[in-house]
Amino acid sequence: MKISYIKYLLFFSAIITLGSGCKKLLEEQPRTTFAPSFFTSSDGLQGSIAGIYSSFRGQWSNQIFTQLYNGGTDETQRGGAADVQHWFTYNNPLIKTSTNDYEGFWNTLFIDINTANGVLQFGPDAAIPAATKTQLVAQAKFLRGFCYYYLVTTFGAVPLHTTFNAAASAADAPAPLADVYAQIITDFTEAAADLPATPAAGTGKPAFKATALYLLAKTHLWRGWSDAAQPTDFQQAYSIAKDVIDNKAIYGLDLLPYFGNVFREGNEYGPEVLMVIDHTKNLKFGQNSDVGAGASSFSENKSNFMWRPNYPLINANYPNSGGSNVTLRDINNGRPFQRIRPNTSYILDVAFANRATDSRYEGTFQTVWLSNSTEMSVRGSLGAVTPRGQLVNGIDTSIWMADRLVTPAERAAFKGIIFEPDHLAGATVKYTASFFPSTRKFDDSTRGHLNDYSDRPYILFRFADLYLIAAEAAFKGGATPQDAANMINVLRTRAAAKAVQTPLEYSAAVAAQQVSAGDITIDFLLNERSREFFAEDTRWWDLSRTKTLVQRVKLYNTEASAGVQDYNMLRPIPQSQIDLVTEGPKFPQNPGY
């Protein structure tokens, strides 16, 4: 949520000690004793909702989360400084002993569920205006559904708690999968009935009616693929998604005309965005580190670091040693954490193979860097000298991550350093685990220091996904294959628009982008998801939902193909959770871990 709720975040440090919705996550003694009356006050209710939203900062866009849910897929491979490398390669001995990698995610969501349960159980007794109360209760239903949605899609069957827990317990068990899905669908349905059609002015993009309907459609899609499937799930997913699309004006939603603008700074609250996780430079409310301190806080947005190559280490004579570095680290080019990189054989040859008529590759990846190779360099000043000439700062391209093999003549005429895709036979200066195209979706030019976190709102859900939900549901029987193609063609028509293009070129690109019912397969839809949502923290979930993780990793990802197994379509229950259940039946681990 945005600034209007910031003042209530003071309550968050207290709220998170209220007790876990999954009872064992408390220690033997509760750390505080908040009475249920806390949830009957205006500050208690609003602080609780704001606290839940605030907690998401510690997951999405942090360093480990980004790798856990993007690594080990068809889209990505390890960067040169990857952390949880066993999840990139499915090193199964390490995975079997690393089940607490997901502990923070599990704990956060169950704590949030318990807070939402407090609002739902005691909030109706609050002496506040009825309209305000209705909105806060609707937010709590949405947020409880949100948390359970991510728990069930990550871990499978999990404990189901719908009442507030204020006491420690040593007993618990997962609920039937069908019960968890049914509760999520109830929460999103009831939230959608009461949430406003559009967010209130000045509140940013917290959940509103379309957000709840979006997740309701996606929950039906997930359940339709699952062992708890109901006969109408795919039809429901298609109908709900299409209804939001058809009524987009009511919700203030629409696709932006040009894909490259979707993630442009300043568009985070635009018509394509359904929900964001807000960040702020304010040290008091943002849980941030000081400017220049190196972004050390767990809650900071580090998405602008994770996907960046180590561009400042490319010297003028590369791949040989010697000479000045051709581009220095700066705010615009970002801090090069090199944790995760595109799996370029899949990206270039499969997902983004149609780069001539599809703008989503250029809208997703930075492939050129300008010379800035002297301290305090200004446009037009002289930069590094390479064997092919003197670079001019701000004018000459110093690094080019080409998407193809270049000719000897091109290389000789280019003053900077050219890299070629490492999977192509004949490549000379190849991409490496440290040097690769950079993901540009999270760029932040407003950071106070070149090593600082980003305070950009993190875009969590986009309107574009409703078209893909509808297409997948239609393909699975919720409508017809032609309905699926119609949904996809809307996105592909938008993708035909390029930054520099004549009307004739645009018309030709639109025609080339269209697909028919016969083109629609689950692999095509997953490739389309790569084109639209690369790096947006969705990929492992997409492959898990569609039961294609093993197939596609073995087909496309050489570093993970030997290790991936069917049981990796669920993530492990944290061992800390299992150890804390000491009464009754032992809490089960997911198979394989």
Foldseek 3Di string as FASTA:
>chain_A
DDDVLLVLCVCLVVLLQQAFLQQLVADQFRPDFDDLCLLQEPSSLSSLLVNLLLLCLLAPQFQLNLCQLFALFLWWAFFPQADPNCSNALPPVVQVVPQCSCVSLVSSLRSSLLSLLSNLPRHVNHPDDPLVSLLSNLSSLLSNLVSLLVVCLFFNFAFDGNHHDRHHDQATAGDHNLVSLVSSLVSLVSSLVRFALEDDPPPFADAGNLNSLLVNLVSLLLLCLDPNHDPQSLLSSQVSLVVCVVVLVSNQADDDLALLCCLPPPCLRHRFFRHWRFADPDCVRRVFDDAPPQTPGSSFRNNQAAQAFPQQPDAQAPVPDDWFRFAHQFQQRAHHSLGMYTLLCCVCVPLCVPVLQFQLVVSWWDFWDFGPGDVVADAQPWHIFHPQGIGGGPPATAEGADAAADDPVVVNNHSHDYEYDPVDPPTDRHADSRRHIGTDSNRDNPRPTRSGTHRGTQRQDTSLVSLLSNLSSQVVPSNDLQSNQVSLLVVQLSRSDDPDDDPVSSVVSSVVSGDGSVVDDLVVSLSSCCSNCPSSSCNLSSCLSNQCRLVSCLVRPVSHNVNDDSQSSHRWDRVSSQVSNPDDDGHDIRPSD
